[in-house]
Structure formats: structure tokens, C-alpha cells
Amino acid sequence: MPGLNGYQVLAQLKKNKSTAHIPVIILSALSRESDILEGLERGANDYLTKPFSPEILLSKIKKVLSEQNDNSNLHRSL
């Protein structure tokens, strides 16, 4: 990405109140354990390395959206 790397974009999304709630799945060629851990520690909901399977990506998207919906329902019940 020109100008910013994915971690910088993630940081901007998470610090902005209007975008902090948006789930993020990192899709990257960086596949070292340290890269994956850094992405997750910086607030990504999941991390997928290239090359990737479209079926796995769809599964991760469904999981993240389901977790977000579950959390939303929990907050409403409190």
C-alpha cells in the first residue's frame, strides 16, 4: 500500500471512534509468527497469509461477523 502499511492503517482505524468498531482481518504475505502476533496485538480480529483459500477467508469473515454480533447482543442485554 502506498504511503501507509497495514499496521498503520489498523492503528488509525482503531483510534478513530467512528471506525474503531469495524472488524479487521489482515491479509498479508508476511507469514512469520512475529508478524501474525503483531497484527493481532495491534487489534486485528484475525490474520490470514497469502496465498490464501477463498473458502478460508469466507469462513474467517463469517466468524468475525458472528463474534461482533454476539458482542453487540451482549452489550444490549447489560
PDB file of N, CA and C in Angstrom:
ATOM      1  N   MET A   1       0.849  -1.176   0.000  1.00  0.00           N
ATOM      2  CA  MET A   1       0.000   0.000   0.000  1.00  0.00           C
ATOM      3  C   MET A   1       0.896   1.242   0.000  1.00  0.00           C
ATOM      4  N   PRO A   2       0.619   2.134  -0.889  1.00  0.00           N
ATOM      5  CA  PRO A   2       1.451   3.346  -0.915  1.00  0.00           C
ATOM      6  C   PRO A   2       1.156   4.267   0.275  1.00  0.00           C
ATOM      7  N   GLY A   3       2.208   4.784   0.883  1.00  0.00           N
ATOM      8  CA  GLY A   3       2.040   5.771   1.947  1.00  0.00           C
ATOM      9  C   GLY A   3       1.965   5.199   3.343  1.00  0.00           C
ATOM     10  N   LEU A   4       1.136   4.197   3.559  1.00  0.00           N
ATOM     11  CA  LEU A   4       0.962   3.596   4.883  1.00  0.00           C
ATOM     12  C   LEU A   4       1.072   2.085   4.771  1.00  0.00           C
ATOM     13  N   ASN A   5       1.546   1.457   5.842  1.00  0.00           N
ATOM     14  CA  ASN A   5       1.490   0.000   5.848  1.00  0.00           C
ATOM     15  C   ASN A   5       0.211  -0.441   6.567  1.00  0.00           C
ATOM     16  N   GLY A   6      -0.072  -1.707   6.519  1.00  0.00           N
ATOM     17  CA  GLY A   6      -1.309  -2.223   7.106  1.00  0.00           C
ATOM     18  C   GLY A   6      -1.430  -1.970   8.596  1.00  0.00           C
ATOM     19  N   TYR A   7      -0.317  -2.058   9.315  1.00  0.00           N
ATOM     20  CA  TYR A   7      -0.347  -1.808  10.749  1.00  0.00           C
ATOM     21  C   TYR A   7      -0.714  -0.352  11.038  1.00  0.00           C
ATOM     22  N   GLN A   8      -0.223   0.562  10.202  1.00  0.00           N
ATOM     23  CA  GLN A   8      -0.546   1.982  10.382  1.00  0.00           C
ATOM     24  C   GLN A   8      -2.029   2.251  10.089  1.00  0.00           C
ATOM     25  N   VAL A   9      -2.545   1.614   9.047  1.00  0.00           N
ATOM     26  CA  VAL A   9      -3.974   1.759   8.739  1.00  0.00           C
ATOM     27  C   VAL A   9      -4.806   1.211   9.891  1.00  0.00           C
ATOM     28  N   LEU A  10      -4.427   0.050  10.403  1.00  0.00           N
ATOM     29  CA  LEU A  10      -5.133  -0.549  11.528  1.00  0.00           C
ATOM     30  C   LEU A  10      -5.123   0.376  12.740  1.00  0.00           C
ATOM     31  N   ALA A  11      -3.978   0.981  13.030  1.00  0.00           N
ATOM     32  CA  ALA A  11      -3.873   1.905  14.167  1.00  0.00           C
ATOM     33  C   ALA A  11      -4.800   3.096  13.983  1.00  0.00           C
ATOM     34  N   GLN A  12      -4.859   3.634  12.780  1.00  0.00           N
ATOM     35  CA  GLN A  12      -5.749   4.771  12.526  1.00  0.00           C
ATOM     36  C   GLN A  12      -7.207   4.377  12.683  1.00  0.00           C
ATOM     37  N   LEU A  13      -7.572   3.207  12.183  1.00  0.00           N
ATOM     38  CA  LEU A  13      -8.955   2.743  12.327  1.00  0.00           C
ATOM     39  C   LEU A  13      -9.329   2.567  13.793  1.00  0.00           C
ATOM     40  N   LYS A  14      -8.428   1.977  14.573  1.00  0.00           N
ATOM     41  CA  LYS A  14      -8.735   1.668  15.970  1.00  0.00           C
ATOM     42  C   LYS A  14      -8.758   2.910  16.863  1.00  0.00           C
ATOM     43  N   LYS A  15      -8.025   3.962  16.501  1.00  0.00           N
ATOM     44  CA  LYS A  15      -8.030   5.146  17.360  1.00  0.00           C
ATOM     45  C   LYS A  15      -9.162   6.115  17.021  1.00  0.00           C
ATOM     46  N   ASN A  16      -9.805   5.928  15.885  1.00  0.00           N
ATOM     47  CA  ASN A  16     -10.906   6.786  15.486  1.00  0.00           C
ATOM     48  C   ASN A  16     -12.218   6.197  16.014  1.00  0.00           C
ATOM     49  N   LYS A  17     -12.925   6.957  16.824  1.00  0.00           N
ATOM     50  CA  LYS A  17     -14.153   6.474  17.461  1.00  0.00           C
ATOM     51  C   LYS A  17     -15.177   5.957  16.441  1.00  0.00           C
ATOM     52  N   SER A  18     -15.255   6.584  15.287  1.00  0.00           N
ATOM     53  CA  SER A  18     -16.262   6.180  14.304  1.00  0.00           C
ATOM     54  C   SER A  18     -15.877   4.931  13.516  1.00  0.00           C
ATOM     55  N   THR A  19     -14.613   4.502  13.581  1.00  0.00           N
ATOM     56  CA  THR A  19     -14.200   3.293  12.860  1.00  0.00           C
ATOM     57  C   THR A  19     -13.627   2.202  13.766  1.00  0.00           C
ATOM     58  N   ALA A  20     -13.496   2.482  15.041  1.00  0.00           N
ATOM     59  CA  ALA A  20     -12.861   1.532  15.957  1.00  0.00           C
ATOM     60  C   ALA A  20     -13.608   0.202  16.047  1.00  0.00           C
ATOM     61  N   HIS A  21     -14.902   0.224  15.798  1.00  0.00           N
ATOM     62  CA  HIS A  21     -15.719  -0.988  15.914  1.00  0.00           C
ATOM     63  C   HIS A  21     -15.662  -1.886  14.678  1.00  0.00           C
ATOM     64  N   ILE A  22     -15.077  -1.397  13.587  1.00  0.00           N
ATOM     65  CA  ILE A  22     -15.045  -2.160  12.341  1.00  0.00           C
ATOM     66  C   ILE A  22     -14.078  -3.332  12.490  1.00  0.00           C
ATOM     67  N   PRO A  23     -14.552  -4.553  12.252  1.00  0.00           N
ATOM     68  CA  PRO A  23     -13.651  -5.699  12.356  1.00  0.00           C
ATOM     69  C   PRO A  23     -12.614  -5.681  11.228  1.00  0.00           C
ATOM     70  N   VAL A  24     -11.413  -6.125  11.551  1.00  0.00           N
ATOM     71  CA  VAL A  24     -10.310  -6.125  10.587  1.00  0.00           C
ATOM     72  C   VAL A  24      -9.697  -7.518  10.522  1.00  0.00           C
ATOM     73  N   ILE A  25      -9.586  -8.018   9.308  1.00  0.00           N
ATOM     74  CA  ILE A  25      -8.846  -9.251   9.050  1.00  0.00           C
ATOM     75  C   ILE A  25      -7.663  -8.852   8.184  1.00  0.00           C
ATOM     76  N   ILE A  26      -6.478  -9.083   8.682  1.00  0.00           N
ATOM     77  CA  ILE A  26      -5.274  -8.769   7.913  1.00  0.00           C
ATOM     78  C   ILE A  26      -5.043  -9.890   6.915  1.00  0.00           C
ATOM     79  N   LEU A  27      -4.823  -9.521   5.663  1.00  0.00           N
ATOM     80  CA  LEU A  27      -4.473 -10.455   4.602  1.00  0.00           C
ATOM     81  C   LEU A  27      -3.100 -10.024   4.104  1.00  0.00           C
ATOM     82  N   SER A  28      -2.078 -10.828   4.378  1.00  0.00           N
ATOM     83  CA  SER A  28      -0.705 -10.382   4.161  1.00  0.00           C
ATOM     84  C   SER A  28       0.198 -11.497   3.659  1.00  0.00           C
ATOM     85  N   ALA A  29       1.249 -11.095   2.960  1.00  0.00           N
ATOM     86  CA  ALA A  29       2.300 -12.034   2.574  1.00  0.00           C
ATOM     87  C   ALA A  29       3.263 -12.271   3.731  1.00  0.00           C
ATOM     88  N   LEU A  30       3.200 -11.416   4.761  1.00  0.00           N
ATOM     89  CA  LEU A  30       4.063 -11.588   5.932  1.00  0.00           C
ATOM     90  C   LEU A  30       3.523 -12.742   6.763  1.00  0.00           C
ATOM     91  N   SER A  31       4.295 -13.816   6.831  1.00  0.00           N
ATOM     92  CA  SER A  31       3.763 -15.033   7.446  1.00  0.00           C
ATOM     93  C   SER A  31       4.553 -15.522   8.655  1.00  0.00           C
ATOM     94  N   ARG A  32       5.529 -14.742   9.094  1.00  0.00           N
ATOM     95  CA  ARG A  32       6.255 -15.152  10.305  1.00  0.00           C
ATOM     96  C   ARG A  32       5.330 -15.049  11.512  1.00  0.00           C
ATOM     97  N   GLU A  33       5.576 -15.878  12.474  1.00  0.00           N
ATOM     98  CA  GLU A  33       4.773 -15.852  13.696  1.00  0.00           C
ATOM     99  C   GLU A  33       4.775 -14.460  14.315  1.00  0.00           C
ATOM    100  N   SER A  34       5.921 -13.799  14.294  1.00  0.00           N
ATOM    101  CA  SER A  34       6.006 -12.458  14.887  1.00  0.00           C
ATOM    102  C   SER A  34       5.130 -11.452  14.142  1.00  0.00           C
ATOM    103  N   ASP A  35       5.006 -11.595  12.821  1.00  0.00           N
ATOM    104  CA  ASP A  35       4.135 -10.709  12.038  1.00  0.00           C
ATOM    105  C   ASP A  35       2.671 -10.919  12.412  1.00  0.00           C
ATOM    106  N   ILE A  36       2.280 -12.178  12.517  1.00  0.00           N
ATOM    107  CA  ILE A  36       0.897 -12.512  12.856  1.00  0.00           C
ATOM    108  C   ILE A  36       0.560 -12.014  14.255  1.00  0.00           C
ATOM    109  N   LEU A  37       1.456 -12.276  15.206  1.00  0.00           N
ATOM    110  CA  LEU A  37       1.222 -11.814  16.577  1.00  0.00           C
ATOM    111  C   LEU A  37       1.141 -10.299  16.653  1.00  0.00           C
ATOM    112  N   GLU A  38       1.990  -9.615  15.890  1.00  0.00           N
ATOM    113  CA  GLU A  38       1.959  -8.151  15.907  1.00  0.00           C
ATOM    114  C   GLU A  38       0.613  -7.635  15.393  1.00  0.00           C
ATOM    115  N   GLY A  39       0.118  -8.212  14.315  1.00  0.00           N
ATOM    116  CA  GLY A  39      -1.176  -7.794  13.782  1.00  0.00           C
ATOM    117  C   GLY A  39      -2.304  -8.014  14.767  1.00  0.00           C
ATOM    118  N   LEU A  40      -2.304  -9.164  15.410  1.00  0.00           N
ATOM    119  CA  LEU A  40      -3.355  -9.463  16.391  1.00  0.00           C
ATOM    120  C   LEU A  40      -3.231  -8.577  17.629  1.00  0.00           C
ATOM    121  N   GLU A  41      -2.000  -8.343  18.084  1.00  0.00           N
ATOM    122  CA  GLU A  41      -1.790  -7.488  19.253  1.00  0.00           C
ATOM    123  C   GLU A  41      -2.156  -6.037  18.980  1.00  0.00           C
ATOM    124  N   ARG A  42      -2.074  -5.624  17.727  1.00  0.00           N
ATOM    125  CA  ARG A  42      -2.434  -4.254  17.362  1.00  0.00           C
ATOM    126  C   ARG A  42      -3.937  -4.081  17.154  1.00  0.00           C
ATOM    127  N   GLY A  43      -4.688  -5.183  17.267  1.00  0.00           N
ATOM    128  CA  GLY A  43      -6.138  -5.057  17.230  1.00  0.00           C
ATOM    129  C   GLY A  43      -6.858  -5.735  16.092  1.00  0.00           C
ATOM    130  N   ALA A  44      -6.140  -6.436  15.225  1.00  0.00           N
ATOM    131  CA  ALA A  44      -6.820  -7.164  14.154  1.00  0.00           C
ATOM    132  C   ALA A  44      -7.646  -8.295  14.766  1.00  0.00           C
ATOM    133  N   ASN A  45      -8.777  -8.564  14.167  1.00  0.00           N
ATOM    134  CA  ASN A  45      -9.632  -9.643  14.646  1.00  0.00           C
ATOM    135  C   ASN A  45      -9.130 -11.007  14.193  1.00  0.00           C
ATOM    136  N   ASP A  46      -8.428 -11.024  13.069  1.00  0.00           N
ATOM    137  CA  ASP A  46      -7.854 -12.270  12.561  1.00  0.00           C
ATOM    138  C   ASP A  46      -6.755 -11.920  11.573  1.00  0.00           C
ATOM    139  N   TYR A  47      -6.018 -12.941  11.145  1.00  0.00           N
ATOM    140  CA  TYR A  47      -4.863 -12.737  10.268  1.00  0.00           C
ATOM    141  C   TYR A  47      -4.807 -13.917   9.323  1.00  0.00           C
ATOM    142  N   LEU A  48      -4.677 -13.641   8.037  1.00  0.00           N
ATOM    143  CA  LEU A  48      -4.614 -14.678   7.021  1.00  0.00           C
ATOM    144  C   LEU A  48      -3.427 -14.388   6.120  1.00  0.00           C
ATOM    145  N   THR A  49      -2.629 -15.420   5.812  1.00  0.00           N
ATOM    146  CA  THR A  49      -1.449 -15.214   4.981  1.00  0.00           C
ATOM    147  C   THR A  49      -1.704 -15.654   3.542  1.00  0.00           C
ATOM    148  N   LYS A  50      -0.979 -14.997   2.639  1.00  0.00           N
ATOM    149  CA  LYS A  50      -1.044 -15.333   1.218  1.00  0.00           C
ATOM    150  C   LYS A  50      -0.066 -16.456   0.936  1.00  0.00           C
ATOM    151  N   PRO A  51      -0.328 -17.318  -0.006  1.00  0.00           N
ATOM    152  CA  PRO A  51      -1.590 -17.434  -0.731  1.00  0.00           C
ATOM    153  C   PRO A  51      -2.674 -17.933   0.211  1.00  0.00           C
ATOM    154  N   PHE A  52      -3.904 -17.590  -0.093  1.00  0.00           N
ATOM    155  CA  PHE A  52      -4.991 -17.960   0.785  1.00  0.00           C
ATOM    156  C   PHE A  52      -6.102 -18.640  -0.002  1.00  0.00           C
ATOM    157  N   SER A  53      -6.891 -19.376   0.701  1.00  0.00           N
ATOM    158  CA  SER A  53      -8.058 -20.036   0.122  1.00  0.00           C
ATOM    159  C   SER A  53      -9.262 -19.125   0.288  1.00  0.00           C
ATOM    160  N   PRO A  54     -10.009 -18.866  -0.777  1.00  0.00           N
ATOM    161  CA  PRO A  54     -11.217 -18.053  -0.643  1.00  0.00           C
ATOM    162  C   PRO A  54     -12.208 -18.639   0.377  1.00  0.00           C
ATOM    163  N   GLU A  55     -12.247 -19.941   0.470  1.00  0.00           N
ATOM    164  CA  GLU A  55     -13.149 -20.587   1.434  1.00  0.00           C
ATOM    165  C   GLU A  55     -12.721 -20.285   2.869  1.00  0.00           C
ATOM    166  N   ILE A  56     -11.420 -20.293   3.115  1.00  0.00           N
ATOM    167  CA  ILE A  56     -10.914 -19.968   4.458  1.00  0.00           C
ATOM    168  C   ILE A  56     -11.201 -18.505   4.772  1.00  0.00           C
ATOM    169  N   LEU A  57     -10.980 -17.616   3.801  1.00  0.00           N
ATOM    170  CA  LEU A  57     -11.265 -16.198   4.012  1.00  0.00           C
ATOM    171  C   LEU A  57     -12.745 -16.003   4.338  1.00  0.00           C
ATOM    172  N   LEU A  58     -13.630 -16.627   3.588  1.00  0.00           N
ATOM    173  CA  LEU A  58     -15.059 -16.509   3.855  1.00  0.00           C
ATOM    174  C   LEU A  58     -15.406 -17.032   5.245  1.00  0.00           C
ATOM    175  N   SER A  59     -14.792 -18.129   5.645  1.00  0.00           N
ATOM    176  CA  SER A  59     -15.022 -18.679   6.979  1.00  0.00           C
ATOM    177  C   SER A  59     -14.584 -17.709   8.068  1.00  0.00           C
ATOM    178  N   LYS A  60     -13.428 -17.083   7.874  1.00  0.00           N
ATOM    179  CA  LYS A  60     -12.933 -16.114   8.860  1.00  0.00           C
ATOM    180  C   LYS A  60     -13.843 -14.883   8.922  1.00  0.00           C
ATOM    181  N   ILE A  61     -14.326 -14.428   7.773  1.00  0.00           N
ATOM    182  CA  ILE A  61     -15.244 -13.287   7.748  1.00  0.00           C
ATOM    183  C   ILE A  61     -16.518 -13.623   8.518  1.00  0.00           C
ATOM    184  N   LYS A  62     -17.088 -14.785   8.260  1.00  0.00           N
ATOM    185  CA  LYS A  62     -18.309 -15.200   8.967  1.00  0.00           C
ATOM    186  C   LYS A  62     -18.071 -15.281  10.472  1.00  0.00           C
ATOM    187  N   LYS A  63     -16.917 -15.822  10.870  1.00  0.00           N
ATOM    188  CA  LYS A  63     -16.593 -15.952  12.291  1.00  0.00           C
ATOM    189  C   LYS A  63     -16.478 -14.582  12.955  1.00  0.00           C
ATOM    190  N   VAL A  64     -15.757 -13.669  12.317  1.00  0.00           N
ATOM    191  CA  VAL A  64     -15.568 -12.332  12.893  1.00  0.00           C
ATOM    192  C   VAL A  64     -16.900 -11.598  12.996  1.00  0.00           C
ATOM    193  N   LEU A  65     -17.723 -11.686  11.956  1.00  0.00           N
ATOM    194  CA  LEU A  65     -19.028 -11.018  11.995  1.00  0.00           C
ATOM    195  C   LEU A  65     -19.943 -11.635  13.041  1.00  0.00           C
ATOM    196  N   SER A  66     -19.883 -12.948  13.196  1.00  0.00           N
ATOM    197  CA  SER A  66     -20.684 -13.621  14.219  1.00  0.00           C
ATOM    198  C   SER A  66     -20.248 -13.191  15.614  1.00  0.00           C
ATOM    199  N   GLU A  67     -18.939 -13.109  15.842  1.00  0.00           N
ATOM    200  CA  GLU A  67     -18.427 -12.664  17.143  1.00  0.00           C
ATOM    201  C   GLU A  67     -18.838 -11.225  17.421  1.00  0.00           C
ATOM    202  N   GLN A  68     -18.793 -10.385  16.398  1.00  0.00           N
ATOM    203  CA  GLN A  68     -19.188  -8.986  16.562  1.00  0.00           C
ATOM    204  C   GLN A  68     -20.675  -8.902  16.910  1.00  0.00           C
ATOM    205  N   ASN A  69     -21.494  -9.708  16.257  1.00  0.00           N
ATOM    206  CA  ASN A  69     -22.925  -9.740  16.539  1.00  0.00           C
ATOM    207  C   ASN A  69     -23.196 -10.255  17.946  1.00  0.00           C
ATOM    208  N   ASP A  70     -22.470 -11.291  18.361  1.00  0.00           N
ATOM    209  CA  ASP A  70     -22.621 -11.820  19.721  1.00  0.00           C
ATOM    210  C   ASP A  70     -22.258 -10.764  20.758  1.00  0.00           C
ATOM    211  N   ASN A  71     -21.168 -10.039  20.519  1.00  0.00           N
ATOM    212  CA  ASN A  71     -20.751  -8.978  21.450  1.00  0.00           C
ATOM    213  C   ASN A  71     -21.767  -7.854  21.493  1.00  0.00           C
ATOM    214  N   SER A  72     -22.337  -7.520  20.345  1.00  0.00           N
ATOM    215  CA  SER A  72     -23.348  -6.469  20.293  1.00  0.00           C
ATOM    216  C   SER A  72     -24.585  -6.871  21.094  1.00  0.00           C
ATOM    217  N   ASN A  73     -25.001  -8.114  20.962  1.00  0.00           N
ATOM    218  CA  ASN A  73     -26.159  -8.607  21.701  1.00  0.00           C
ATOM    219  C   ASN A  73     -25.882  -8.635  23.193  1.00  0.00           C
ATOM    220  N   LEU A  74     -24.673  -8.983  23.576  1.00  0.00           N
ATOM    221  CA  LEU A  74     -24.294  -8.999  24.986  1.00  0.00           C
ATOM    222  C   LEU A  74     -24.372  -7.599  25.584  1.00  0.00           C
ATOM    223  N   HIS A  75     -23.855  -6.618  24.860  1.00  0.00           N
ATOM    224  CA  HIS A  75     -23.872  -5.235  25.356  1.00  0.00           C
ATOM    225  C   HIS A  75     -25.303  -4.722  25.508  1.00  0.00           C
ATOM    226  N   ARG A  76     -26.185  -5.112  24.598  1.00  0.00           N
ATOM    227  CA  ARG A  76     -27.575  -4.672  24.693  1.00  0.00           C
ATOM    228  C   ARG A  76     -28.280  -5.290  25.895  1.00  0.00           C
ATOM    229  N   SER A  77     -27.895  -6.514  26.255  1.00  0.00           N
ATOM    230  CA  SER A  77     -28.572  -7.184  27.369  1.00  0.00           C
ATOM    231  C   SER A  77     -28.086  -6.694  28.729  1.00  0.00           C
ATOM    232  N   LEU A  78     -26.933  -6.016  28.742  1.00  0.00           N
ATOM    233  CA  LEU A  78     -26.414  -5.497  30.015  1.00  0.00           C
ATOM    234  C   LEU A  78     -27.113  -4.235  30.306  1.00  0.00           C
TER     235      LEU A  78
END
